[in-house]
All heavy atoms as atom14 arrays in JSON, in Angstrom:
{
  "sequence": "VTSRSITGKQYGDFLSAVFDEWLAHDVGEVFIQIFDVTLGAHVGLY",
  "atom14_mask": [
    [1, 1, 1, 1, 1, 1, 1, 0, 0, 0, 0, 0, 0, 0],
    [1, 1, 1, 1, 1, 1, 1, 0, 0, 0, 0, 0, 0, 0],
    [1, 1, 1, 1, 1, 1, 0, 0, 0, 0, 0, 0, 0, 0],
    [1, 1, 1, 1, 1, 1, 1, 1, 1, 1, 1, 0, 0, 0],
    [1, 1, 1, 1, 1, 1, 0, 0, 0, 0, 0, 0, 0, 0],
    [1, 1, 1, 1, 1, 1, 1, 1, 0, 0, 0, 0, 0, 0],
    [1, 1, 1, 1, 1, 1, 1, 0, 0, 0, 0, 0, 0, 0],
    [1, 1, 1, 1, 0, 0, 0, 0, 0, 0, 0, 0, 0, 0],
    [1, 1, 1, 1, 1, 1, 1, 1, 1, 0, 0, 0, 0, 0],
    [1, 1, 1, 1, 1, 1, 1, 1, 1, 0, 0, 0, 0, 0],
    [1, 1, 1, 1, 1, 1, 1, 1, 1, 1, 1, 1, 0, 0],
    [1, 1, 1, 1, 0, 0, 0, 0, 0, 0, 0, 0, 0, 0],
    [1, 1, 1, 1, 1, 1, 1, 1, 0, 0, 0, 0, 0, 0],
    [1, 1, 1, 1, 1, 1, 1, 1, 1, 1, 1, 0, 0, 0],
    [1, 1, 1, 1, 1, 1, 1, 1, 0, 0, 0, 0, 0, 0],
    [1, 1, 1, 1, 1, 1, 0, 0, 0, 0, 0, 0, 0, 0],
    [1, 1, 1, 1, 1, 0, 0, 0, 0, 0, 0, 0, 0, 0],
    [1, 1, 1, 1, 1, 1, 1, 0, 0, 0, 0, 0, 0, 0],
    [1, 1, 1, 1, 1, 1, 1, 1, 1, 1, 1, 0, 0, 0],
    [1, 1, 1, 1, 1, 1, 1, 1, 0, 0, 0, 0, 0, 0],
    [1, 1, 1, 1, 1, 1, 1, 1, 1, 0, 0, 0, 0, 0],
    [1, 1, 1, 1, 1, 1, 1, 1, 1, 1, 1, 1, 1, 1],
    [1, 1, 1, 1, 1, 1, 1, 1, 0, 0, 0, 0, 0, 0],
    [1, 1, 1, 1, 1, 0, 0, 0, 0, 0, 0, 0, 0, 0],
    [1, 1, 1, 1, 1, 1, 1, 1, 1, 1, 0, 0, 0, 0],
    [1, 1, 1, 1, 1, 1, 1, 1, 0, 0, 0, 0, 0, 0],
    [1, 1, 1, 1, 1, 1, 1, 0, 0, 0, 0, 0, 0, 0],
    [1, 1, 1, 1, 0, 0, 0, 0, 0, 0, 0, 0, 0, 0],
    [1, 1, 1, 1, 1, 1, 1, 1, 1, 0, 0, 0, 0, 0],
    [1, 1, 1, 1, 1, 1, 1, 0, 0, 0, 0, 0, 0, 0],
    [1, 1, 1, 1, 1, 1, 1, 1, 1, 1, 1, 0, 0, 0],
    [1, 1, 1, 1, 1, 1, 1, 1, 0, 0, 0, 0, 0, 0],
    [1, 1, 1, 1, 1, 1, 1, 1, 1, 0, 0, 0, 0, 0],
    [1, 1, 1, 1, 1, 1, 1, 1, 0, 0, 0, 0, 0, 0],
    [1, 1, 1, 1, 1, 1, 1, 1, 1, 1, 1, 0, 0, 0],
    [1, 1, 1, 1, 1, 1, 1, 1, 0, 0, 0, 0, 0, 0],
    [1, 1, 1, 1, 1, 1, 1, 0, 0, 0, 0, 0, 0, 0],
    [1, 1, 1, 1, 1, 1, 1, 0, 0, 0, 0, 0, 0, 0],
    [1, 1, 1, 1, 1, 1, 1, 1, 0, 0, 0, 0, 0, 0],
    [1, 1, 1, 1, 0, 0, 0, 0, 0, 0, 0, 0, 0, 0],
    [1, 1, 1, 1, 1, 0, 0, 0, 0, 0, 0, 0, 0, 0],
    [1, 1, 1, 1, 1, 1, 1, 1, 1, 1, 0, 0, 0, 0],
    [1, 1, 1, 1, 1, 1, 1, 0, 0, 0, 0, 0, 0, 0],
    [1, 1, 1, 1, 0, 0, 0, 0, 0, 0, 0, 0, 0, 0],
    [1, 1, 1, 1, 1, 1, 1, 1, 0, 0, 0, 0, 0, 0],
    [1, 1, 1, 1, 1, 1, 1, 1, 1, 1, 1, 1, 0, 0]
  ],
  "atom14_positions": [
    [[44.31, 103.74, 154.82], [43.12, 104.27, 154.15], [43.09, 103.77, 152.72], [44.13, 103.43, 152.14], [43.07, 105.82, 154.17], [43.05, 106.35, 155.58], [44.24, 106.41, 153.39], [0.0, 0.0, 0.0], [0.0, 0.0, 0.0], [0.0, 0.0, 0.0], [0.0, 0.0, 0.0], [0.0, 0.0, 0.0], [0.0, 0.0, 0.0], [0.0, 0.0, 0.0]],
    [[41.91, 103.74, 152.14], [41.76, 103.33, 150.75], [42.24, 104.44, 149.82], [42.37, 105.61, 150.22], [40.3, 103.02, 150.42], [39.55, 104.24, 150.48], [39.72, 101.99, 151.38], [0.0, 0.0, 0.0], [0.0, 0.0, 0.0], [0.0, 0.0, 0.0], [0.0, 0.0, 0.0], [0.0, 0.0, 0.0], [0.0, 0.0, 0.0], [0.0, 0.0, 0.0]],
    [[42.46, 104.08, 148.58], [42.88, 105.06, 147.57], [41.75, 106.02, 147.22], [41.98, 107.05, 146.58], [43.36, 104.34, 146.31], [42.34, 103.51, 145.78], [0.0, 0.0, 0.0], [0.0, 0.0, 0.0], [0.0, 0.0, 0.0], [0.0, 0.0, 0.0], [0.0, 0.0, 0.0], [0.0, 0.0, 0.0], [0.0, 0.0, 0.0], [0.0, 0.0, 0.0]],
    [[40.53, 105.71, 147.62], [39.4, 106.63, 147.39], [39.42, 107.78, 148.39], [38.77, 108.81, 148.15], [38.07, 105.87, 147.52], [37.81, 104.85, 146.44], [36.46, 104.16, 146.66], [36.44, 103.36, 147.88], [36.82, 102.08, 147.95], [37.26, 101.47, 146.87], [36.76, 101.43, 149.09], [0.0, 0.0, 0.0], [0.0, 0.0, 0.0], [0.0, 0.0, 0.0]],
    [[40.1, 107.62, 149.49], [40.09, 108.6, 150.56], [40.8, 109.89, 150.17], [41.81, 109.86, 149.44], [40.74, 108.03, 151.82], [40.09, 106.86, 152.25], [0.0, 0.0, 0.0], [0.0, 0.0, 0.0], [0.0, 0.0, 0.0], [0.0, 0.0, 0.0], [0.0, 0.0, 0.0], [0.0, 0.0, 0.0], [0.0, 0.0, 0.0], [0.0, 0.0, 0.0]],
    [[40.31, 111.0, 150.66], [40.98, 112.27, 150.47], [42.18, 112.33, 151.41], [42.17, 111.72, 152.49], [40.01, 113.44, 150.75], [40.57, 114.77, 150.25], [39.63, 113.52, 152.23], [39.56, 115.91, 150.28], [0.0, 0.0, 0.0], [0.0, 0.0, 0.0], [0.0, 0.0, 0.0], [0.0, 0.0, 0.0], [0.0, 0.0, 0.0], [0.0, 0.0, 0.0]],
    [[43.24, 113.01, 151.03], [44.38, 113.2, 151.92], [44.2, 114.5, 152.71], [43.39, 115.37, 152.33], [45.71, 113.28, 151.14], [45.72, 114.48, 150.35], [45.87, 112.07, 150.22], [0.0, 0.0, 0.0], [0.0, 0.0, 0.0], [0.0, 0.0, 0.0], [0.0, 0.0, 0.0], [0.0, 0.0, 0.0], [0.0, 0.0, 0.0], [0.0, 0.0, 0.0]],
    [[44.97, 114.63, 153.78], [44.9, 115.86, 154.55], [45.26, 117.07, 153.7], [44.59, 118.11, 153.76], [0.0, 0.0, 0.0], [0.0, 0.0, 0.0], [0.0, 0.0, 0.0], [0.0, 0.0, 0.0], [0.0, 0.0, 0.0], [0.0, 0.0, 0.0], [0.0, 0.0, 0.0], [0.0, 0.0, 0.0], [0.0, 0.0, 0.0], [0.0, 0.0, 0.0]],
    [[46.31, 116.96, 152.91], [46.72, 118.08, 152.07], [45.63, 118.44, 151.07], [45.31, 119.63, 150.87], [48.01, 117.74, 151.32], [48.54, 118.9, 150.48], [49.82, 118.54, 149.77], [50.46, 119.77, 149.09], [49.52, 120.51, 148.22], [0.0, 0.0, 0.0], [0.0, 0.0, 0.0], [0.0, 0.0, 0.0], [0.0, 0.0, 0.0], [0.0, 0.0, 0.0]],
    [[45.03, 117.44, 150.43], [43.96, 117.72, 149.47], [42.79, 118.43, 150.15], [42.21, 119.36, 149.58], [43.47, 116.41, 148.85], [44.38, 115.81, 147.8], [43.86, 114.48, 147.29], [43.41, 113.64, 148.07], [43.92, 114.28, 145.98], [0.0, 0.0, 0.0], [0.0, 0.0, 0.0], [0.0, 0.0, 0.0], [0.0, 0.0, 0.0], [0.0, 0.0, 0.0]],
    [[42.45, 118.0, 151.35], [41.31, 118.59, 152.06], [41.58, 120.07, 152.37], [40.73, 120.93, 152.12], [41.04, 117.81, 153.34], [39.79, 118.24, 154.08], [38.56, 118.3, 153.44], [39.84, 118.57, 155.43], [37.41, 118.69, 154.12], [38.71, 118.94, 156.13], [37.49, 119.01, 155.46], [36.37, 119.39, 156.14], [0.0, 0.0, 0.0], [0.0, 0.0, 0.0]],
    [[42.76, 120.35, 152.9], [43.09, 121.74, 153.23], [43.15, 122.61, 151.99], [42.64, 123.75, 152.0], [0.0, 0.0, 0.0], [0.0, 0.0, 0.0], [0.0, 0.0, 0.0], [0.0, 0.0, 0.0], [0.0, 0.0, 0.0], [0.0, 0.0, 0.0], [0.0, 0.0, 0.0], [0.0, 0.0, 0.0], [0.0, 0.0, 0.0], [0.0, 0.0, 0.0]],
    [[43.75, 122.11, 150.93], [43.85, 122.89, 149.69], [42.48, 123.1, 149.06], [42.2, 124.18, 148.51], [44.78, 122.18, 148.7], [46.24, 122.21, 149.13], [46.58, 122.98, 150.05], [47.03, 121.44, 148.54], [0.0, 0.0, 0.0], [0.0, 0.0, 0.0], [0.0, 0.0, 0.0], [0.0, 0.0, 0.0], [0.0, 0.0, 0.0], [0.0, 0.0, 0.0]],
    [[41.62, 122.08, 149.11], [40.28, 122.19, 148.54], [39.49, 123.29, 149.25], [38.95, 124.2, 148.61], [39.55, 120.85, 148.66], [38.19, 120.82, 148.0], [38.03, 120.23, 146.76], [37.07, 121.38, 148.62], [36.78, 120.21, 146.14], [35.83, 121.36, 148.02], [35.68, 120.77, 146.77], [0.0, 0.0, 0.0], [0.0, 0.0, 0.0], [0.0, 0.0, 0.0]],
    [[39.43, 123.21, 150.57], [38.65, 124.19, 151.33], [39.22, 125.59, 151.15], [38.46, 126.57, 151.05], [38.62, 123.82, 152.8], [37.87, 122.55, 153.18], [37.9, 122.35, 154.7], [36.42, 122.58, 152.69], [0.0, 0.0, 0.0], [0.0, 0.0, 0.0], [0.0, 0.0, 0.0], [0.0, 0.0, 0.0], [0.0, 0.0, 0.0], [0.0, 0.0, 0.0]],
    [[40.53, 125.72, 151.12], [41.15, 127.04, 150.97], [40.82, 127.65, 149.62], [40.53, 128.86, 149.52], [42.67, 126.92, 151.15], [42.99, 126.48, 152.46], [0.0, 0.0, 0.0], [0.0, 0.0, 0.0], [0.0, 0.0, 0.0], [0.0, 0.0, 0.0], [0.0, 0.0, 0.0], [0.0, 0.0, 0.0], [0.0, 0.0, 0.0], [0.0, 0.0, 0.0]],
    [[40.86, 126.85, 148.57], [40.56, 127.35, 147.23], [39.09, 127.78, 147.12], [38.77, 128.82, 146.55], [40.88, 126.3, 146.18], [0.0, 0.0, 0.0], [0.0, 0.0, 0.0], [0.0, 0.0, 0.0], [0.0, 0.0, 0.0], [0.0, 0.0, 0.0], [0.0, 0.0, 0.0], [0.0, 0.0, 0.0], [0.0, 0.0, 0.0], [0.0, 0.0, 0.0]],
    [[38.2, 126.96, 147.67], [36.78, 127.31, 147.64], [36.54, 128.57, 148.47], [35.77, 129.46, 148.08], [35.92, 126.15, 148.17], [34.46, 126.59, 148.34], [35.99, 124.96, 147.22], [0.0, 0.0, 0.0], [0.0, 0.0, 0.0], [0.0, 0.0, 0.0], [0.0, 0.0, 0.0], [0.0, 0.0, 0.0], [0.0, 0.0, 0.0], [0.0, 0.0, 0.0]],
    [[37.22, 128.68, 149.61], [37.06, 129.86, 150.46], [37.46, 131.13, 149.71], [36.75, 132.15, 149.79], [37.91, 129.73, 151.73], [37.77, 130.89, 152.67], [36.71, 130.98, 153.56], [38.7, 131.94, 152.64], [36.58, 132.07, 154.41], [38.57, 133.04, 153.48], [37.5, 133.1, 154.38], [0.0, 0.0, 0.0], [0.0, 0.0, 0.0], [0.0, 0.0, 0.0]],
    [[38.55, 131.09, 148.98], [38.98, 132.28, 148.24], [37.95, 132.71, 147.21], [37.67, 133.91, 147.05], [40.33, 132.01, 147.56], [41.47, 131.88, 148.57], [41.29, 132.26, 149.73], [42.55, 131.38, 148.17], [0.0, 0.0, 0.0], [0.0, 0.0, 0.0], [0.0, 0.0, 0.0], [0.0, 0.0, 0.0], [0.0, 0.0, 0.0], [0.0, 0.0, 0.0]],
    [[37.38, 131.74, 146.5], [36.33, 132.05, 145.52], [35.09, 132.6, 146.21], [34.49, 133.58, 145.75], [35.99, 130.78, 144.73], [34.85, 130.92, 143.75], [35.21, 131.69, 142.49], [36.4, 132.02, 142.31], [34.3, 131.96, 141.68], [0.0, 0.0, 0.0], [0.0, 0.0, 0.0], [0.0, 0.0, 0.0], [0.0, 0.0, 0.0], [0.0, 0.0, 0.0]],
    [[34.72, 132.0, 147.32], [33.55, 132.44, 148.09], [33.76, 133.83, 148.67], [32.88, 134.68, 148.62], [33.31, 131.42, 149.19], [32.23, 131.76, 150.17], [30.89, 131.58, 150.0], [32.4, 132.31, 151.49], [30.21, 131.99, 151.14], [31.12, 132.43, 152.06], [33.52, 132.68, 152.23], [30.92, 132.94, 153.35], [33.33, 133.19, 153.51], [32.04, 133.31, 154.06]],
    [[34.95, 134.07, 149.21], [35.26, 135.36, 149.82], [35.2, 136.48, 148.8], [34.76, 137.6, 149.09], [36.64, 135.31, 150.48], [37.06, 136.54, 151.29], [36.18, 136.71, 152.52], [38.53, 136.43, 151.69], [0.0, 0.0, 0.0], [0.0, 0.0, 0.0], [0.0, 0.0, 0.0], [0.0, 0.0, 0.0], [0.0, 0.0, 0.0], [0.0, 0.0, 0.0]],
    [[35.61, 136.19, 147.58], [35.64, 137.22, 146.54], [34.26, 137.56, 146.0], [34.02, 138.69, 145.56], [36.55, 136.76, 145.4], [0.0, 0.0, 0.0], [0.0, 0.0, 0.0], [0.0, 0.0, 0.0], [0.0, 0.0, 0.0], [0.0, 0.0, 0.0], [0.0, 0.0, 0.0], [0.0, 0.0, 0.0], [0.0, 0.0, 0.0], [0.0, 0.0, 0.0]],
    [[33.33, 136.58, 146.05], [32.06, 136.78, 145.33], [30.78, 136.48, 146.1], [29.73, 137.01, 145.75], [32.05, 135.91, 144.06], [33.21, 136.11, 143.16], [33.38, 137.24, 142.39], [34.29, 135.31, 142.9], [34.49, 137.14, 141.68], [35.07, 135.99, 141.98], [0.0, 0.0, 0.0], [0.0, 0.0, 0.0], [0.0, 0.0, 0.0], [0.0, 0.0, 0.0]],
    [[30.84, 135.63, 147.13], [29.6, 135.0, 147.58], [29.27, 135.11, 149.07], [28.34, 134.45, 149.54], [29.64, 133.51, 147.21], [29.82, 133.29, 145.72], [29.16, 134.0, 144.95], [30.62, 132.42, 145.34], [0.0, 0.0, 0.0], [0.0, 0.0, 0.0], [0.0, 0.0, 0.0], [0.0, 0.0, 0.0], [0.0, 0.0, 0.0], [0.0, 0.0, 0.0]],
    [[30.0, 135.91, 149.82], [29.69, 136.05, 151.24], [28.28, 136.62, 151.39], [27.93, 137.61, 150.76], [30.71, 136.96, 151.95], [30.36, 137.09, 153.43], [32.12, 136.43, 151.78], [0.0, 0.0, 0.0], [0.0, 0.0, 0.0], [0.0, 0.0, 0.0], [0.0, 0.0, 0.0], [0.0, 0.0, 0.0], [0.0, 0.0, 0.0], [0.0, 0.0, 0.0]],
    [[27.47, 135.97, 152.18], [26.1, 136.42, 152.37], [25.12, 135.89, 151.34], [23.91, 136.07, 151.48], [0.0, 0.0, 0.0], [0.0, 0.0, 0.0], [0.0, 0.0, 0.0], [0.0, 0.0, 0.0], [0.0, 0.0, 0.0], [0.0, 0.0, 0.0], [0.0, 0.0, 0.0], [0.0, 0.0, 0.0], [0.0, 0.0, 0.0], [0.0, 0.0, 0.0]],
    [[25.65, 135.23, 150.3], [24.81, 134.69, 149.24], [24.82, 133.17, 149.21], [23.79, 132.53, 148.98], [25.25, 135.23, 147.87], [25.02, 136.72, 147.69], [23.54, 137.08, 147.69], [22.74, 136.27, 147.19], [23.2, 138.17, 148.18], [0.0, 0.0, 0.0], [0.0, 0.0, 0.0], [0.0, 0.0, 0.0], [0.0, 0.0, 0.0], [0.0, 0.0, 0.0]],
    [[25.98, 132.58, 149.42], [26.14, 131.13, 149.48], [26.66, 130.77, 150.87], [27.56, 131.44, 151.39], [27.12, 130.63, 148.4], [27.29, 129.12, 148.5], [26.63, 131.03, 147.01], [0.0, 0.0, 0.0], [0.0, 0.0, 0.0], [0.0, 0.0, 0.0], [0.0, 0.0, 0.0], [0.0, 0.0, 0.0], [0.0, 0.0, 0.0], [0.0, 0.0, 0.0]],
    [[26.07, 129.75, 151.46], [26.42, 129.38, 152.83], [27.04, 127.99, 152.84], [26.41, 127.01, 152.42], [25.18, 129.45, 153.72], [24.58, 130.83, 153.75], [23.63, 131.2, 152.81], [25.0, 131.76, 154.68], [23.09, 132.48, 152.81], [24.47, 133.05, 154.69], [23.52, 133.41, 153.75], [0.0, 0.0, 0.0], [0.0, 0.0, 0.0], [0.0, 0.0, 0.0]],
    [[28.28, 127.93, 153.28], [29.04, 126.68, 153.29], [29.3, 126.31, 154.75], [29.86, 127.1, 155.51], [30.35, 126.84, 152.5], [30.02, 127.17, 151.04], [31.21, 125.58, 152.6], [31.21, 127.47, 150.18], [0.0, 0.0, 0.0], [0.0, 0.0, 0.0], [0.0, 0.0, 0.0], [0.0, 0.0, 0.0], [0.0, 0.0, 0.0], [0.0, 0.0, 0.0]],
    [[28.86, 125.13, 155.13], [28.82, 124.76, 156.53], [30.15, 124.97, 157.25], [30.2, 125.57, 158.33], [28.39, 123.3, 156.68], [28.23, 122.86, 158.13], [28.01, 121.36, 158.25], [28.77, 120.57, 157.69], [26.97, 120.97, 158.96], [0.0, 0.0, 0.0], [0.0, 0.0, 0.0], [0.0, 0.0, 0.0], [0.0, 0.0, 0.0], [0.0, 0.0, 0.0]],
    [[31.25, 124.49, 156.69], [32.54, 124.58, 157.38], [32.96, 126.03, 157.56], [33.63, 126.37, 158.55], [33.63, 123.76, 156.64], [34.94, 123.76, 157.43], [33.84, 124.28, 155.23], [34.86, 123.12, 158.78], [0.0, 0.0, 0.0], [0.0, 0.0, 0.0], [0.0, 0.0, 0.0], [0.0, 0.0, 0.0], [0.0, 0.0, 0.0], [0.0, 0.0, 0.0]],
    [[32.56, 126.92, 156.66], [32.88, 128.34, 156.83], [32.04, 128.93, 157.97], [32.56, 129.71, 158.79], [32.63, 129.12, 155.54], [33.43, 128.64, 154.35], [33.12, 129.07, 153.07], [34.49, 127.75, 154.5], [33.86, 128.64, 151.97], [35.23, 127.31, 153.41], [34.9, 127.75, 152.14], [0.0, 0.0, 0.0], [0.0, 0.0, 0.0], [0.0, 0.0, 0.0]],
    [[30.78, 128.58, 158.02], [29.93, 129.05, 159.13], [30.45, 128.55, 160.47], [30.48, 129.28, 161.46], [28.49, 128.56, 158.94], [27.78, 129.24, 157.78], [28.26, 130.29, 157.32], [26.74, 128.72, 157.33], [0.0, 0.0, 0.0], [0.0, 0.0, 0.0], [0.0, 0.0, 0.0], [0.0, 0.0, 0.0], [0.0, 0.0, 0.0], [0.0, 0.0, 0.0]],
    [[30.85, 127.27, 160.5], [31.37, 126.67, 161.73], [32.65, 127.37, 162.17], [32.84, 127.64, 163.37], [31.61, 125.16, 161.52], [32.43, 124.56, 162.65], [30.28, 124.43, 161.38], [0.0, 0.0, 0.0], [0.0, 0.0, 0.0], [0.0, 0.0, 0.0], [0.0, 0.0, 0.0], [0.0, 0.0, 0.0], [0.0, 0.0, 0.0], [0.0, 0.0, 0.0]],
    [[33.51, 127.68, 161.23], [34.77, 128.33, 161.55], [34.54, 129.74, 162.07], [35.17, 130.18, 163.04], [35.7, 128.35, 160.33], [35.86, 127.02, 159.83], [37.06, 128.92, 160.68], [0.0, 0.0, 0.0], [0.0, 0.0, 0.0], [0.0, 0.0, 0.0], [0.0, 0.0, 0.0], [0.0, 0.0, 0.0], [0.0, 0.0, 0.0], [0.0, 0.0, 0.0]],
    [[33.63, 130.46, 161.44], [33.3, 131.8, 161.93], [32.73, 131.72, 163.34], [33.05, 132.55, 164.2], [32.3, 132.47, 160.98], [31.87, 133.9, 161.34], [33.06, 134.83, 161.44], [30.86, 134.42, 160.32], [0.0, 0.0, 0.0], [0.0, 0.0, 0.0], [0.0, 0.0, 0.0], [0.0, 0.0, 0.0], [0.0, 0.0, 0.0], [0.0, 0.0, 0.0]],
    [[31.9, 130.72, 163.59], [31.37, 130.52, 164.94], [32.47, 130.32, 165.96], [32.42, 130.87, 167.07], [0.0, 0.0, 0.0], [0.0, 0.0, 0.0], [0.0, 0.0, 0.0], [0.0, 0.0, 0.0], [0.0, 0.0, 0.0], [0.0, 0.0, 0.0], [0.0, 0.0, 0.0], [0.0, 0.0, 0.0], [0.0, 0.0, 0.0], [0.0, 0.0, 0.0]],
    [[33.48, 129.53, 165.61], [34.59, 129.28, 166.53], [35.32, 130.58, 166.88], [35.83, 130.74, 168.0], [35.56, 128.27, 165.92], [0.0, 0.0, 0.0], [0.0, 0.0, 0.0], [0.0, 0.0, 0.0], [0.0, 0.0, 0.0], [0.0, 0.0, 0.0], [0.0, 0.0, 0.0], [0.0, 0.0, 0.0], [0.0, 0.0, 0.0], [0.0, 0.0, 0.0]],
    [[35.36, 131.51, 165.93], [36.04, 132.78, 166.18], [35.28, 133.67, 167.16], [35.85, 134.64, 167.66], [36.26, 133.52, 164.86], [37.5, 133.08, 164.13], [38.7, 133.75, 164.21], [37.73, 132.01, 163.33], [39.61, 133.12, 163.48], [39.05, 132.07, 162.93], [0.0, 0.0, 0.0], [0.0, 0.0, 0.0], [0.0, 0.0, 0.0], [0.0, 0.0, 0.0]],
    [[34.03, 133.35, 167.41], [33.27, 134.09, 168.43], [32.86, 133.18, 169.59], [31.99, 133.52, 170.39], [32.03, 134.78, 167.81], [32.45, 135.81, 166.78], [31.07, 133.77, 167.17], [0.0, 0.0, 0.0], [0.0, 0.0, 0.0], [0.0, 0.0, 0.0], [0.0, 0.0, 0.0], [0.0, 0.0, 0.0], [0.0, 0.0, 0.0], [0.0, 0.0, 0.0]],
    [[33.5, 131.99, 169.66], [33.28, 131.1, 170.79], [32.04, 130.24, 170.71], [31.58, 129.73, 171.74], [0.0, 0.0, 0.0], [0.0, 0.0, 0.0], [0.0, 0.0, 0.0], [0.0, 0.0, 0.0], [0.0, 0.0, 0.0], [0.0, 0.0, 0.0], [0.0, 0.0, 0.0], [0.0, 0.0, 0.0], [0.0, 0.0, 0.0], [0.0, 0.0, 0.0]],
    [[31.48, 130.06, 169.51], [30.27, 129.24, 169.35], [30.61, 128.0, 168.54], [31.32, 128.09, 167.52], [29.17, 130.04, 168.64], [28.68, 131.3, 169.35], [27.67, 132.04, 168.47], [28.05, 130.95, 170.7], [0.0, 0.0, 0.0], [0.0, 0.0, 0.0], [0.0, 0.0, 0.0], [0.0, 0.0, 0.0], [0.0, 0.0, 0.0], [0.0, 0.0, 0.0]],
    [[30.09, 126.85, 168.97], [30.37, 125.59, 168.28], [29.06, 124.91, 167.92], [28.29, 124.52, 168.8], [31.23, 124.68, 169.17], [32.58, 125.29, 169.47], [32.8, 126.0, 170.64], [33.62, 125.18, 168.56], [34.04, 126.58, 170.91], [34.86, 125.75, 168.81], [35.05, 126.45, 169.99], [36.28, 127.02, 170.24], [0.0, 0.0, 0.0], [0.0, 0.0, 0.0]]
  ]
}
């Protein structure tokens, strides 16, 4: 991969950090696709 590419660790840490901020303040106000998709998976929807 090129040096411009994100690493797996960076991707997981990025999403986790944003999720924590979103969970504390923005559920129901800001909609982030990967969070919606993940919630869907928890109820069997893709």
